[in-house]
């Protein structure tokens, strides 16, 4: 809902976002409205996700872990991410994350919402929904790598409780999309030197 604009002597008026011709009281001119247009720099920005959770950040996570899937050479980052999800991520991705974090397979499977018996059956590739959860964690790990740089610092930071996360570990927060966004927001504050 648009708030009324109060102009001296005119009373409340709703702004007119159509281009005006010579009438200064009609509302913002086209030059002024250009600043309010939605500019989408990453696919995640459409949904309000931090850039690292957008296609480009997830794509960086895909390239970071490597893999045996074929991605289109051209096209948007979102298209490449969708293809990787359709194909399913290989089991090696899970093992790479487990080694990087220094945790057990059971603990990582619990964070990702993958039952132990299902994990035992996934010897080659994960299903698309499971791959999406792996990519979510990969995106957070990529952001942590960008900010913290050292593997030991990443492992320690991801597995120790944080006051800013309500006493939970960042890894535990990655069990939901909103939790992963909060972890990335916290990493962003650390990156910019904001006390958290």
N, C-alpha and C. Protein backbone atom coordinates (compact mmCIF):
# COMPACT_ATOMS: atom_id res chain seq x y z
N UNK A 1 0.84 -1.17 0.00
CA UNK A 1 0.00 0.00 0.00
C UNK A 1 0.88 1.22 0.00
N UNK A 2 0.58 2.17 -0.85
CA UNK A 2 1.36 3.39 -0.98
C UNK A 2 0.90 4.41 0.04
N UNK A 3 1.85 5.04 0.72
CA UNK A 3 1.52 6.06 1.70
C UNK A 3 1.22 7.37 0.98
N UNK A 4 0.30 8.15 1.52
CA UNK A 4 0.01 9.43 0.88
C UNK A 4 1.18 10.40 1.06
N UNK A 5 1.34 11.26 0.09
CA UNK A 5 2.39 12.28 0.12
C UNK A 5 1.73 13.59 0.50
N UNK A 6 2.29 14.28 1.47
CA UNK A 6 1.74 15.56 1.90
C UNK A 6 2.56 16.68 1.30
N UNK A 7 1.92 17.55 0.55
CA UNK A 7 2.58 18.71 -0.03
C UNK A 7 1.96 19.96 0.57
N UNK A 8 2.77 20.94 0.73
CA UNK A 8 2.34 22.19 1.34
C UNK A 8 1.14 22.77 0.58
N UNK A 9 0.03 22.91 1.30
CA UNK A 9 -1.16 23.53 0.74
C UNK A 9 -1.97 22.62 -0.18
N UNK A 10 -1.55 21.37 -0.41
CA UNK A 10 -2.25 20.49 -1.34
C UNK A 10 -3.03 19.38 -0.63
N UNK A 11 -2.70 19.07 0.62
CA UNK A 11 -3.34 17.95 1.29
C UNK A 11 -2.70 16.63 0.86
N UNK A 12 -3.21 15.50 1.36
CA UNK A 12 -2.61 14.21 1.01
C UNK A 12 -2.88 13.86 -0.46
N UNK A 13 -1.84 13.37 -1.13
CA UNK A 13 -1.96 12.92 -2.51
C UNK A 13 -1.15 11.64 -2.67
N UNK A 14 -1.64 10.73 -3.50
CA UNK A 14 -0.87 9.54 -3.81
C UNK A 14 0.11 9.88 -4.92
N UNK A 15 1.32 9.36 -4.84
CA UNK A 15 2.29 9.68 -5.88
C UNK A 15 1.88 9.08 -7.21
N UNK A 16 2.18 9.78 -8.28
CA UNK A 16 1.90 9.33 -9.63
C UNK A 16 3.23 8.90 -10.24
N UNK A 17 3.36 7.62 -10.52
CA UNK A 17 4.63 7.12 -11.04
C UNK A 17 4.68 7.10 -12.55
N UNK A 18 3.66 7.61 -13.20
CA UNK A 18 3.71 7.75 -14.64
C UNK A 18 4.55 8.97 -14.97
N UNK A 19 5.24 8.96 -16.11
CA UNK A 19 6.04 10.12 -16.47
C UNK A 19 5.17 11.35 -16.57
N UNK A 20 5.62 12.44 -15.97
CA UNK A 20 4.84 13.66 -16.02
C UNK A 20 5.40 14.59 -17.07
N UNK A 21 4.55 15.40 -17.64
CA UNK A 21 4.98 16.35 -18.66
C UNK A 21 4.67 17.74 -18.15
N UNK A 22 5.69 18.42 -17.64
CA UNK A 22 5.56 19.81 -17.25
C UNK A 22 4.78 20.06 -15.97
N UNK A 23 4.20 19.09 -15.32
CA UNK A 23 3.40 19.31 -14.11
C UNK A 23 4.22 18.81 -12.92
N UNK A 24 4.79 19.71 -12.15
CA UNK A 24 5.66 19.31 -11.05
C UNK A 24 4.90 18.71 -9.88
N UNK A 25 3.60 18.92 -9.79
CA UNK A 25 2.83 18.36 -8.69
C UNK A 25 2.28 16.98 -9.00
N UNK A 26 2.47 16.46 -10.20
CA UNK A 26 1.89 15.18 -10.60
C UNK A 26 2.60 14.01 -9.95
N UNK A 27 3.78 14.19 -9.48
CA UNK A 27 4.50 13.10 -8.83
C UNK A 27 5.92 13.02 -9.37
N UNK A 28 6.64 12.00 -8.98
CA UNK A 28 8.03 11.88 -9.42
C UNK A 28 8.13 11.76 -10.94
N UNK A 29 9.15 12.39 -11.47
CA UNK A 29 9.38 12.28 -12.91
C UNK A 29 10.04 10.94 -13.22
N UNK A 30 10.14 10.65 -14.48
CA UNK A 30 10.70 9.37 -14.89
C UNK A 30 12.14 9.21 -14.39
N UNK A 31 12.92 10.30 -14.38
CA UNK A 31 14.30 10.20 -13.90
C UNK A 31 14.32 9.78 -12.43
N UNK A 32 13.36 10.29 -11.65
CA UNK A 32 13.31 9.96 -10.24
C UNK A 32 12.86 8.53 -10.01
N UNK A 33 11.97 8.03 -10.86
CA UNK A 33 11.47 6.66 -10.66
C UNK A 33 12.48 5.63 -11.12
N UNK A 34 13.45 6.02 -11.93
CA UNK A 34 14.45 5.05 -12.39
C UNK A 34 15.21 4.47 -11.20
N UNK A 35 15.40 5.28 -10.16
CA UNK A 35 16.12 4.79 -8.98
C UNK A 35 15.29 3.80 -8.18
N UNK A 36 13.98 3.79 -8.36
CA UNK A 36 13.15 2.87 -7.59
C UNK A 36 12.85 1.57 -8.32
N UNK A 37 13.30 1.45 -9.59
CA UNK A 37 13.04 0.22 -10.32
C UNK A 37 13.84 -0.92 -9.72
N UNK A 38 13.30 -2.12 -9.79
CA UNK A 38 13.95 -3.30 -9.26
C UNK A 38 15.08 -3.71 -10.18
N UNK A 39 16.28 -3.78 -9.64
CA UNK A 39 17.43 -4.24 -10.41
C UNK A 39 17.85 -5.57 -9.81
N UNK A 40 17.82 -6.61 -10.61
CA UNK A 40 18.17 -7.94 -10.14
C UNK A 40 19.57 -8.26 -10.61
N UNK A 41 20.49 -8.35 -9.66
CA UNK A 41 21.87 -8.65 -10.01
C UNK A 41 22.15 -10.14 -9.87
N UNK A 42 21.40 -10.83 -9.03
CA UNK A 42 21.56 -12.27 -8.91
C UNK A 42 20.18 -12.88 -8.76
N UNK A 43 20.01 -14.14 -9.17
CA UNK A 43 18.70 -14.77 -9.06
C UNK A 43 18.17 -14.80 -7.64
N UNK A 44 19.04 -14.91 -6.64
CA UNK A 44 18.59 -14.94 -5.26
C UNK A 44 18.04 -13.61 -4.80
N UNK A 45 18.45 -12.52 -5.46
CA UNK A 45 18.01 -11.19 -5.04
C UNK A 45 16.51 -11.02 -5.23
N UNK A 46 15.91 -11.74 -6.16
CA UNK A 46 14.48 -11.63 -6.39
C UNK A 46 13.70 -12.02 -5.15
N UNK A 47 14.18 -13.01 -4.44
CA UNK A 47 13.49 -13.51 -3.26
C UNK A 47 14.04 -12.93 -1.98
N UNK A 48 14.92 -11.98 -2.07
CA UNK A 48 15.47 -11.35 -0.88
C UNK A 48 16.59 -12.13 -0.25
N UNK A 49 17.12 -13.12 -0.93
CA UNK A 49 18.20 -13.92 -0.39
C UNK A 49 19.50 -13.14 -0.49
N UNK A 50 20.42 -13.35 0.44
CA UNK A 50 21.72 -12.73 0.30
C UNK A 50 22.36 -13.22 -0.99
N UNK A 51 23.24 -12.45 -1.62
CA UNK A 51 23.84 -12.86 -2.88
C UNK A 51 24.48 -14.24 -2.82
N UNK A 52 25.05 -14.65 -1.68
CA UNK A 52 25.68 -15.95 -1.63
C UNK A 52 24.66 -17.08 -1.76
N UNK A 53 23.43 -16.85 -1.44
CA UNK A 53 22.43 -17.88 -1.63
C UNK A 53 21.80 -17.81 -3.00
N UNK A 54 22.12 -16.80 -3.76
CA UNK A 54 21.63 -16.70 -5.12
C UNK A 54 22.38 -17.66 -6.01
N UNK A 55 22.07 -17.66 -7.27
CA UNK A 55 22.66 -18.59 -8.22
C UNK A 55 24.17 -18.47 -8.29
N UNK A 56 24.70 -17.25 -8.27
CA UNK A 56 26.14 -17.05 -8.41
C UNK A 56 26.89 -17.65 -7.22
N UNK A 57 26.37 -17.46 -5.99
CA UNK A 57 27.03 -18.01 -4.81
C UNK A 57 26.99 -19.52 -4.78
N UNK A 58 25.87 -20.08 -5.18
CA UNK A 58 25.75 -21.53 -5.22
C UNK A 58 26.63 -22.08 -6.32
N UNK A 59 26.69 -21.38 -7.45
CA UNK A 59 27.57 -21.81 -8.53
C UNK A 59 29.02 -21.81 -8.08
N UNK A 60 29.41 -20.80 -7.30
CA UNK A 60 30.77 -20.76 -6.76
C UNK A 60 31.00 -21.97 -5.85
N UNK A 61 29.98 -22.34 -5.08
CA UNK A 61 30.10 -23.52 -4.22
C UNK A 61 30.25 -24.78 -5.06
N UNK A 62 29.52 -24.87 -6.17
CA UNK A 62 29.65 -26.03 -7.06
C UNK A 62 31.06 -26.13 -7.62
N UNK A 63 31.59 -25.01 -8.08
CA UNK A 63 32.93 -25.04 -8.64
C UNK A 63 33.97 -25.34 -7.58
N UNK A 64 33.72 -24.91 -6.36
CA UNK A 64 34.66 -25.14 -5.26
C UNK A 64 34.81 -26.62 -4.95
N UNK A 65 33.69 -27.35 -4.99
CA UNK A 65 33.75 -28.77 -4.62
C UNK A 65 34.06 -29.67 -5.80
N UNK A 66 34.04 -29.12 -7.00
CA UNK A 66 34.28 -29.95 -8.18
C UNK A 66 33.09 -30.85 -8.43
N UNK A 67 33.27 -31.88 -9.15
CA UNK A 67 32.18 -32.81 -9.40
C UNK A 67 32.27 -33.43 -10.77
N UNK A 68 31.49 -34.49 -10.98
CA UNK A 68 31.51 -35.23 -12.22
C UNK A 68 30.32 -34.92 -13.10
N UNK A 69 29.57 -33.86 -12.82
CA UNK A 69 28.40 -33.53 -13.63
C UNK A 69 28.79 -32.55 -14.71
N UNK A 70 28.01 -32.56 -15.79
CA UNK A 70 28.26 -31.63 -16.88
C UNK A 70 27.32 -30.45 -16.74
N UNK A 71 27.90 -29.25 -16.71
CA UNK A 71 27.10 -28.02 -16.63
C UNK A 71 27.13 -27.35 -17.99
N UNK A 72 26.05 -26.66 -18.37
CA UNK A 72 26.07 -25.94 -19.63
C UNK A 72 27.18 -24.90 -19.64
N UNK A 73 27.84 -24.77 -20.77
CA UNK A 73 28.95 -23.81 -20.87
C UNK A 73 28.44 -22.38 -20.86
N UNK A 74 27.29 -22.15 -21.44
CA UNK A 74 26.73 -20.80 -21.49
C UNK A 74 25.43 -20.79 -20.71
N UNK A 75 24.93 -19.59 -20.47
CA UNK A 75 23.66 -19.48 -19.77
C UNK A 75 23.84 -18.85 -18.41
N UNK A 76 22.73 -18.66 -17.76
CA UNK A 76 22.74 -17.99 -16.47
C UNK A 76 23.25 -18.91 -15.37
N UNK A 77 23.67 -18.30 -14.30
CA UNK A 77 24.10 -19.08 -13.14
C UNK A 77 22.94 -19.92 -12.62
N UNK A 78 21.74 -19.36 -12.65
CA UNK A 78 20.57 -20.09 -12.19
C UNK A 78 20.33 -21.33 -13.05
N UNK A 79 20.50 -21.21 -14.36
CA UNK A 79 20.35 -22.36 -15.25
C UNK A 79 21.35 -23.45 -14.94
N UNK A 80 22.57 -23.06 -14.63
CA UNK A 80 23.59 -24.04 -14.30
C UNK A 80 23.28 -24.73 -12.97
N UNK A 81 22.80 -23.96 -12.01
CA UNK A 81 22.44 -24.55 -10.72
C UNK A 81 21.28 -25.52 -10.89
N UNK A 82 20.28 -25.13 -11.68
CA UNK A 82 19.12 -26.00 -11.91
C UNK A 82 19.55 -27.31 -12.56
N UNK A 83 20.48 -27.25 -13.52
CA UNK A 83 20.98 -28.47 -14.16
C UNK A 83 21.69 -29.37 -13.16
N UNK A 84 22.51 -28.77 -12.31
CA UNK A 84 23.22 -29.56 -11.30
C UNK A 84 22.22 -30.23 -10.36
N UNK A 85 21.15 -29.51 -9.99
CA UNK A 85 20.14 -30.09 -9.11
C UNK A 85 19.39 -31.22 -9.80
N UNK A 86 19.06 -31.04 -11.06
CA UNK A 86 18.34 -32.10 -11.80
C UNK A 86 19.18 -33.37 -11.89
N UNK A 87 20.47 -33.19 -12.15
CA UNK A 87 21.36 -34.34 -12.26
C UNK A 87 21.60 -34.99 -10.90
N UNK A 88 21.51 -34.23 -9.85
CA UNK A 88 21.80 -34.72 -8.51
C UNK A 88 23.29 -34.62 -8.24
N UNK A 89 23.62 -34.17 -7.06
CA UNK A 89 25.03 -34.05 -6.70
C UNK A 89 25.60 -35.42 -6.35
N UNK A 90 26.86 -35.65 -6.70
CA UNK A 90 27.48 -36.94 -6.37
C UNK A 90 27.73 -37.09 -4.88
N UNK A 91 27.84 -38.31 -4.43
CA UNK A 91 28.08 -38.63 -3.02
C UNK A 91 29.37 -37.99 -2.51
N UNK A 92 30.33 -37.78 -3.41
CA UNK A 92 31.60 -37.18 -2.99
C UNK A 92 31.41 -35.81 -2.36
N UNK A 93 30.37 -35.08 -2.78
CA UNK A 93 30.10 -33.75 -2.22
C UNK A 93 29.84 -33.88 -0.73
N UNK A 94 29.00 -34.83 -0.35
CA UNK A 94 28.68 -35.07 1.06
C UNK A 94 29.97 -35.37 1.83
N UNK A 95 30.79 -36.26 1.28
CA UNK A 95 32.02 -36.65 1.96
C UNK A 95 32.99 -35.48 2.07
N UNK A 96 33.03 -34.63 1.04
CA UNK A 96 33.90 -33.44 1.09
C UNK A 96 33.48 -32.52 2.22
N UNK A 97 32.18 -32.25 2.34
CA UNK A 97 31.69 -31.39 3.42
C UNK A 97 31.97 -32.01 4.78
N UNK A 98 31.77 -33.31 4.90
CA UNK A 98 32.00 -34.00 6.16
C UNK A 98 33.46 -33.86 6.59
N UNK A 99 34.37 -34.07 5.64
CA UNK A 99 35.80 -33.93 5.95
C UNK A 99 36.16 -32.48 6.30
N UNK A 100 35.65 -31.52 5.53
CA UNK A 100 35.96 -30.11 5.79
C UNK A 100 35.49 -29.67 7.17
N UNK A 101 34.34 -30.19 7.59
CA UNK A 101 33.78 -29.78 8.88
C UNK A 101 34.29 -30.63 10.04
N UNK A 102 34.90 -31.77 9.73
CA UNK A 102 35.42 -32.65 10.78
C UNK A 102 34.33 -33.25 11.64
N UNK A 103 33.21 -33.62 11.03
CA UNK A 103 32.09 -34.19 11.77
C UNK A 103 31.76 -35.57 11.21
N UNK A 104 30.91 -36.29 11.91
CA UNK A 104 30.52 -37.63 11.47
C UNK A 104 29.47 -37.56 10.36
N UNK A 105 29.36 -38.65 9.62
CA UNK A 105 28.33 -38.74 8.57
C UNK A 105 26.94 -38.60 9.16
N UNK A 106 26.73 -39.17 10.34
CA UNK A 106 25.42 -39.12 10.98
C UNK A 106 25.03 -37.68 11.33
N UNK A 107 25.98 -36.92 11.85
CA UNK A 107 25.70 -35.54 12.23
C UNK A 107 25.38 -34.68 11.00
N UNK A 108 26.16 -34.85 9.93
CA UNK A 108 25.91 -34.09 8.72
C UNK A 108 24.58 -34.50 8.09
N UNK A 109 24.28 -35.79 8.09
CA UNK A 109 23.01 -36.26 7.53
C UNK A 109 21.84 -35.68 8.32
N UNK A 110 21.98 -35.55 9.63
CA UNK A 110 20.91 -34.98 10.46
C UNK A 110 20.68 -33.51 10.11
N UNK A 111 21.78 -32.75 9.92
CA UNK A 111 21.65 -31.34 9.54
C UNK A 111 20.97 -31.21 8.19
N UNK A 112 21.28 -32.11 7.27
CA UNK A 112 20.72 -32.05 5.92
C UNK A 112 19.34 -32.69 5.83
N UNK A 113 18.89 -33.30 6.90
CA UNK A 113 17.57 -33.93 6.89
C UNK A 113 17.52 -35.19 6.04
N UNK A 114 18.62 -35.91 5.99
CA UNK A 114 18.69 -37.16 5.23
C UNK A 114 18.78 -38.31 6.23
N UNK A 115 17.76 -39.16 6.29
CA UNK A 115 17.81 -40.30 7.22
C UNK A 115 19.02 -41.20 6.93
N UNK A 116 19.51 -41.85 7.97
CA UNK A 116 20.69 -42.71 7.85
C UNK A 116 20.53 -43.81 6.81
N UNK A 117 19.37 -44.44 6.77
CA UNK A 117 19.15 -45.52 5.80
C UNK A 117 19.13 -44.99 4.38
N UNK A 118 18.57 -43.80 4.19
CA UNK A 118 18.57 -43.18 2.86
C UNK A 118 20.00 -42.84 2.46
N UNK A 119 20.77 -42.31 3.39
CA UNK A 119 22.16 -41.98 3.11
C UNK A 119 22.94 -43.22 2.68
N UNK A 120 22.69 -44.34 3.32
CA UNK A 120 23.37 -45.58 2.97
C UNK A 120 23.05 -46.02 1.54
N UNK A 121 21.84 -45.70 1.06
CA UNK A 121 21.46 -46.07 -0.31
C UNK A 121 22.03 -45.12 -1.35
N UNK A 122 22.42 -43.94 -0.96
CA UNK A 122 22.93 -42.94 -1.91
C UNK A 122 24.42 -43.15 -2.14
N UNK A 123 24.75 -44.16 -2.93
CA UNK A 123 26.15 -44.46 -3.19
C UNK A 123 26.70 -43.65 -4.37
N UNK A 124 25.83 -43.22 -5.29
CA UNK A 124 26.28 -42.48 -6.47
C UNK A 124 25.87 -41.02 -6.43
N UNK A 125 24.55 -40.76 -6.51
CA UNK A 125 24.04 -39.39 -6.57
C UNK A 125 22.87 -39.21 -5.61
N UNK A 126 22.72 -37.97 -5.17
CA UNK A 126 21.57 -37.62 -4.34
C UNK A 126 20.41 -37.21 -5.22
N UNK A 127 19.22 -37.32 -4.69
CA UNK A 127 18.01 -36.86 -5.40
C UNK A 127 18.02 -35.33 -5.43
N UNK A 128 17.22 -34.71 -6.33
CA UNK A 128 17.24 -33.24 -6.45
C UNK A 128 16.95 -32.49 -5.15
N UNK A 129 15.99 -32.95 -4.34
CA UNK A 129 15.70 -32.22 -3.09
C UNK A 129 16.86 -32.34 -2.10
N UNK A 130 17.48 -33.50 -2.06
CA UNK A 130 18.64 -33.68 -1.18
C UNK A 130 19.83 -32.86 -1.70
N UNK A 131 19.95 -32.80 -3.01
CA UNK A 131 21.02 -32.00 -3.62
C UNK A 131 20.83 -30.52 -3.29
N UNK A 132 19.59 -30.07 -3.25
CA UNK A 132 19.31 -28.68 -2.89
C UNK A 132 19.78 -28.36 -1.49
N UNK A 133 19.59 -29.30 -0.58
CA UNK A 133 20.05 -29.08 0.80
C UNK A 133 21.57 -29.08 0.88
N UNK A 134 22.20 -29.95 0.07
CA UNK A 134 23.67 -29.95 0.02
C UNK A 134 24.18 -28.63 -0.54
N UNK A 135 23.52 -28.12 -1.57
CA UNK A 135 23.93 -26.84 -2.15
C UNK A 135 23.74 -25.70 -1.16
N UNK A 136 22.68 -25.77 -0.37
CA UNK A 136 22.45 -24.73 0.65
C UNK A 136 23.64 -24.69 1.62
N UNK A 137 24.05 -25.86 2.09
CA UNK A 137 25.20 -25.92 3.00
C UNK A 137 26.46 -25.48 2.27
N UNK A 138 26.61 -25.89 1.00
CA UNK A 138 27.78 -25.50 0.23
C UNK A 138 27.88 -24.00 0.05
N UNK A 139 26.75 -23.36 -0.12
CA UNK A 139 26.73 -21.91 -0.26
C UNK A 139 27.21 -21.23 1.03
N UNK A 140 26.78 -21.74 2.16
CA UNK A 140 27.22 -21.18 3.45
C UNK A 140 28.71 -21.44 3.64
N UNK A 141 29.16 -22.64 3.29
CA UNK A 141 30.59 -22.94 3.43
C UNK A 141 31.43 -22.06 2.50
N UNK A 142 30.90 -21.76 1.31
CA UNK A 142 31.61 -20.88 0.39
C UNK A 142 31.73 -19.47 0.98
N UNK A 143 30.64 -18.98 1.56
CA UNK A 143 30.67 -17.66 2.20
C UNK A 143 31.66 -17.66 3.37
N UNK A 144 31.66 -18.74 4.15
CA UNK A 144 32.60 -18.85 5.27
C UNK A 144 34.04 -18.88 4.76
N UNK A 145 34.27 -19.55 3.64
CA UNK A 145 35.62 -19.59 3.06
C UNK A 145 36.03 -18.21 2.57
N UNK A 146 35.10 -17.46 2.01
CA UNK A 146 35.39 -16.11 1.54
C UNK A 146 35.75 -15.19 2.69
N UNK A 147 35.08 -15.36 3.82
CA UNK A 147 35.27 -14.47 4.96
C UNK A 147 36.42 -14.92 5.85
N UNK A 148 36.45 -16.20 6.20
CA UNK A 148 37.40 -16.70 7.19
C UNK A 148 38.70 -17.23 6.59
N UNK A 149 38.66 -17.66 5.35
CA UNK A 149 39.80 -18.08 4.53
C UNK A 149 40.47 -19.37 4.96
N UNK A 150 40.80 -19.57 6.19
CA UNK A 150 41.54 -20.75 6.64
C UNK A 150 40.60 -21.93 6.92
N UNK A 151 40.92 -23.13 6.42
CA UNK A 151 40.05 -24.30 6.67
C UNK A 151 39.82 -24.58 8.16
N UNK A 152 40.86 -24.44 8.97
CA UNK A 152 40.70 -24.68 10.41
C UNK A 152 39.77 -23.65 11.04
N UNK A 153 39.86 -22.41 10.60
CA UNK A 153 38.98 -21.35 11.12
C UNK A 153 37.53 -21.60 10.70
N UNK A 154 37.34 -22.07 9.49
CA UNK A 154 35.99 -22.39 9.01
C UNK A 154 35.40 -23.51 9.84
N UNK A 155 36.16 -24.57 10.04
CA UNK A 155 35.69 -25.73 10.83
C UNK A 155 35.32 -25.30 12.25
N UNK A 156 36.21 -24.54 12.87
CA UNK A 156 35.97 -24.09 14.24
C UNK A 156 34.74 -23.18 14.31
N UNK A 157 34.63 -22.23 13.37
CA UNK A 157 33.52 -21.28 13.39
C UNK A 157 32.18 -21.98 13.14
N UNK A 158 32.15 -22.92 12.22
CA UNK A 158 30.90 -23.60 11.87
C UNK A 158 30.41 -24.55 12.97
N UNK A 159 31.30 -25.03 13.82
CA UNK A 159 30.91 -26.05 14.80
C UNK A 159 30.86 -25.55 16.24
N UNK A 160 31.10 -24.27 16.47
CA UNK A 160 31.01 -23.73 17.82
C UNK A 160 29.76 -22.85 17.95
N UNK A 161 29.06 -22.94 19.09
CA UNK A 161 27.84 -22.13 19.29
C UNK A 161 28.13 -20.63 19.20
N UNK A 162 27.17 -19.91 18.65
CA UNK A 162 27.29 -18.46 18.50
C UNK A 162 26.14 -17.77 19.21
N UNK A 163 26.46 -16.77 20.01
CA UNK A 163 25.44 -16.01 20.73
C UNK A 163 24.46 -15.35 19.75
N UNK A 164 24.97 -14.86 18.62
CA UNK A 164 24.13 -14.19 17.62
C UNK A 164 23.13 -15.14 16.96
N UNK A 165 23.36 -16.45 17.11
CA UNK A 165 22.45 -17.46 16.55
C UNK A 165 21.65 -18.16 17.65
N UNK A 166 21.50 -17.49 18.76
CA UNK A 166 20.72 -18.05 19.85
C UNK A 166 21.38 -19.23 20.54
N UNK A 167 22.70 -19.28 20.51
CA UNK A 167 23.44 -20.36 21.16
C UNK A 167 23.57 -21.61 20.30
N UNK A 168 23.10 -21.57 19.07
CA UNK A 168 23.25 -22.71 18.16
C UNK A 168 24.54 -22.58 17.37
N UNK A 169 25.00 -23.71 16.84
CA UNK A 169 26.15 -23.65 15.94
C UNK A 169 25.67 -23.22 14.56
N UNK A 170 26.52 -22.54 13.79
CA UNK A 170 26.13 -22.20 12.42
C UNK A 170 25.75 -23.43 11.60
N UNK A 171 26.45 -24.53 11.82
CA UNK A 171 26.12 -25.76 11.10
C UNK A 171 24.70 -26.21 11.40
N UNK A 172 24.31 -26.18 12.66
CA UNK A 172 22.96 -26.61 13.06
C UNK A 172 21.91 -25.69 12.44
N UNK A 173 22.22 -24.41 12.30
CA UNK A 173 21.27 -23.47 11.70
C UNK A 173 21.05 -23.73 10.22
N UNK A 174 21.98 -24.41 9.58
CA UNK A 174 21.87 -24.68 8.14
C UNK A 174 20.87 -25.77 7.82
N UNK A 175 20.12 -26.25 8.81
CA UNK A 175 19.12 -27.27 8.54
C UNK A 175 17.87 -26.69 7.87
N UNK A 176 17.75 -25.36 7.85
CA UNK A 176 16.63 -24.71 7.16
C UNK A 176 17.17 -23.58 6.29
N UNK A 177 16.37 -23.18 5.32
CA UNK A 177 16.76 -22.07 4.44
C UNK A 177 16.92 -20.78 5.24
N UNK A 178 15.96 -20.51 6.13
CA UNK A 178 16.04 -19.29 6.93
C UNK A 178 17.26 -19.30 7.84
N UNK A 179 17.57 -20.44 8.41
CA UNK A 179 18.75 -20.56 9.25
C UNK A 179 20.03 -20.30 8.47
N UNK A 180 20.10 -20.85 7.26
CA UNK A 180 21.27 -20.64 6.40
C UNK A 180 21.41 -19.16 6.05
N UNK A 181 20.28 -18.49 5.80
CA UNK A 181 20.33 -17.06 5.50
C UNK A 181 20.86 -16.28 6.70
N UNK A 182 20.44 -16.68 7.89
CA UNK A 182 20.90 -15.99 9.10
C UNK A 182 22.41 -16.19 9.29
N UNK A 183 22.89 -17.40 9.01
CA UNK A 183 24.33 -17.66 9.12
C UNK A 183 25.09 -16.81 8.12
N UNK A 184 24.59 -16.73 6.90
CA UNK A 184 25.25 -15.90 5.89
C UNK A 184 25.20 -14.41 6.26
N UNK A 185 24.11 -13.99 6.86
CA UNK A 185 24.02 -12.59 7.31
C UNK A 185 25.06 -12.33 8.40
N UNK A 186 25.23 -13.28 9.31
CA UNK A 186 26.23 -13.14 10.37
C UNK A 186 27.63 -13.09 9.77
N UNK A 187 27.90 -13.94 8.78
CA UNK A 187 29.20 -13.90 8.10
C UNK A 187 29.40 -12.56 7.40
N UNK A 188 28.34 -12.01 6.83
CA UNK A 188 28.42 -10.70 6.20
C UNK A 188 28.76 -9.61 7.20
N UNK A 189 28.19 -9.71 8.40
CA UNK A 189 28.52 -8.71 9.43
C UNK A 189 29.98 -8.86 9.86
N UNK A 190 30.45 -10.07 9.96
CA UNK A 190 31.85 -10.30 10.32
C UNK A 190 32.76 -9.73 9.22
N UNK A 191 32.38 -9.98 7.98
CA UNK A 191 33.19 -9.51 6.85
C UNK A 191 33.31 -7.98 6.84
N UNK A 192 32.25 -7.29 7.23
CA UNK A 192 32.27 -5.83 7.22
C UNK A 192 32.63 -5.22 8.57
N UNK A 193 33.03 -6.05 9.52
CA UNK A 193 33.50 -5.55 10.79
C UNK A 193 32.42 -5.07 11.73
N UNK A 194 31.19 -5.54 11.54
CA UNK A 194 30.10 -5.14 12.43
C UNK A 194 30.11 -6.06 13.65
N UNK A 195 30.07 -5.48 14.82
CA UNK A 195 30.07 -6.26 16.05
C UNK A 195 28.81 -7.10 16.11
N UNK A 196 28.95 -8.41 16.32
CA UNK A 196 27.79 -9.31 16.37
C UNK A 196 27.79 -10.11 17.63
